[in-house]
Amino acid sequence: MGSFSIWHWLIVLVIILLVFGTKKLRNIGSDLGGAVRGFKEGMRDGEKSADAAAPSQITGGQTIEGEIKEKTKSS
């Protein structure tokens, strides 16, 4: 059995329309579109916050000298 022809797909589409109705399918489509739009906005906001959180290059800073000692347990 090969791939479906255009007539098979049209029959499947008619059955789906009869089962769910056009109003229900329209609502599903708008919900899906809203979800995709929200995802895209979230991705844009995430990129903006990642850019804002990136450390900027510090110029004219002050060097602090110090010595690192190993921490010992006190008895």
Protein backbone atom coordinates (compact mmCIF):
# COMPACT_ATOMS: atom_id res chain seq x y z
CA MET A 1 0.00 0.00 0.00
CA GLY A 2 1.55 3.28 -1.12
CA SER A 3 1.08 6.82 0.08
CA PHE A 4 -2.35 8.35 0.32
CA SER A 5 -3.79 10.16 -2.66
CA ILE A 6 -5.42 13.59 -2.55
CA TRP A 7 -8.86 11.93 -2.32
CA HIS A 8 -7.89 10.08 0.84
CA TRP A 9 -6.76 13.35 2.47
CA LEU A 10 -9.98 15.13 1.39
CA ILE A 11 -12.09 12.37 2.94
CA VAL A 12 -10.08 12.59 6.18
CA LEU A 13 -10.53 16.38 6.21
CA VAL A 14 -14.31 16.08 5.73
CA ILE A 15 -14.54 13.54 8.56
CA ILE A 16 -12.54 15.84 10.87
CA LEU A 17 -14.82 18.77 9.97
CA LEU A 18 -17.90 16.66 10.71
CA VAL A 19 -16.56 15.43 14.04
CA PHE A 20 -15.15 18.68 15.42
CA GLY A 21 -17.04 21.36 13.51
CA THR A 22 -15.61 24.54 12.03
CA LYS A 23 -16.01 26.64 15.19
CA LYS A 24 -14.02 24.19 17.31
CA LEU A 25 -11.28 23.96 14.68
CA ARG A 26 -11.12 27.76 14.44
CA ASN A 27 -10.72 28.00 18.22
CA ILE A 28 -7.96 25.38 18.17
CA GLY A 29 -6.19 27.32 15.40
CA SER A 30 -6.37 30.62 17.25
CA ASP A 31 -5.16 29.00 20.48
CA LEU A 32 -2.24 27.45 18.65
CA GLY A 33 -1.40 30.78 16.99
CA GLY A 34 -1.50 32.56 20.36
CA ALA A 35 0.81 29.95 21.87
CA VAL A 36 3.33 30.36 19.03
CA ARG A 37 3.17 34.15 19.37
CA GLY A 38 3.74 33.92 23.14
CA PHE A 39 6.68 31.58 22.58
CA LYS A 40 8.30 34.00 20.13
CA GLU A 41 7.83 36.92 22.56
CA GLY A 42 9.35 34.85 25.35
CA MET A 43 12.36 34.05 23.20
CA ARG A 44 12.84 37.76 22.39
CA ASP A 45 12.55 38.70 26.07
CA GLY A 46 15.02 35.97 26.99
CA GLU A 47 17.56 37.30 24.50
CA LYS A 48 17.12 40.85 25.81
CA SER A 49 17.59 39.78 29.45
CA ALA A 50 20.62 37.64 28.52
CA ASP A 51 22.19 40.65 26.80
CA ALA A 52 21.45 42.86 29.81
CA ALA A 53 22.87 40.28 32.23
CA ALA A 54 26.13 39.93 30.31
CA PRO A 55 28.96 41.52 32.28
CA SER A 56 30.26 44.70 30.77
CA GLN A 57 33.96 45.24 30.35
CA ILE A 58 35.42 47.06 33.35
CA THR A 59 37.90 49.79 32.53
CA GLY A 60 40.01 51.76 34.95
CA GLY A 61 39.53 49.22 37.74
CA GLN A 62 41.60 48.86 40.87
CA THR A 63 43.82 45.84 41.52
CA ILE A 64 43.59 44.33 44.98
CA GLU A 65 46.61 42.42 46.20
CA GLY A 66 46.24 39.66 48.70
CA GLU A 67 47.50 36.34 49.87
CA ILE A 68 45.63 33.05 49.79
CA LYS A 69 46.10 30.86 52.83
CA GLU A 70 44.86 27.34 53.33
CA LYS A 71 42.05 27.08 55.82
CA THR A 72 42.94 24.91 58.80
CA LYS A 73 40.69 23.35 61.40
CA SER A 74 40.97 24.89 64.84
CA SER A 75 41.19 22.42 67.74
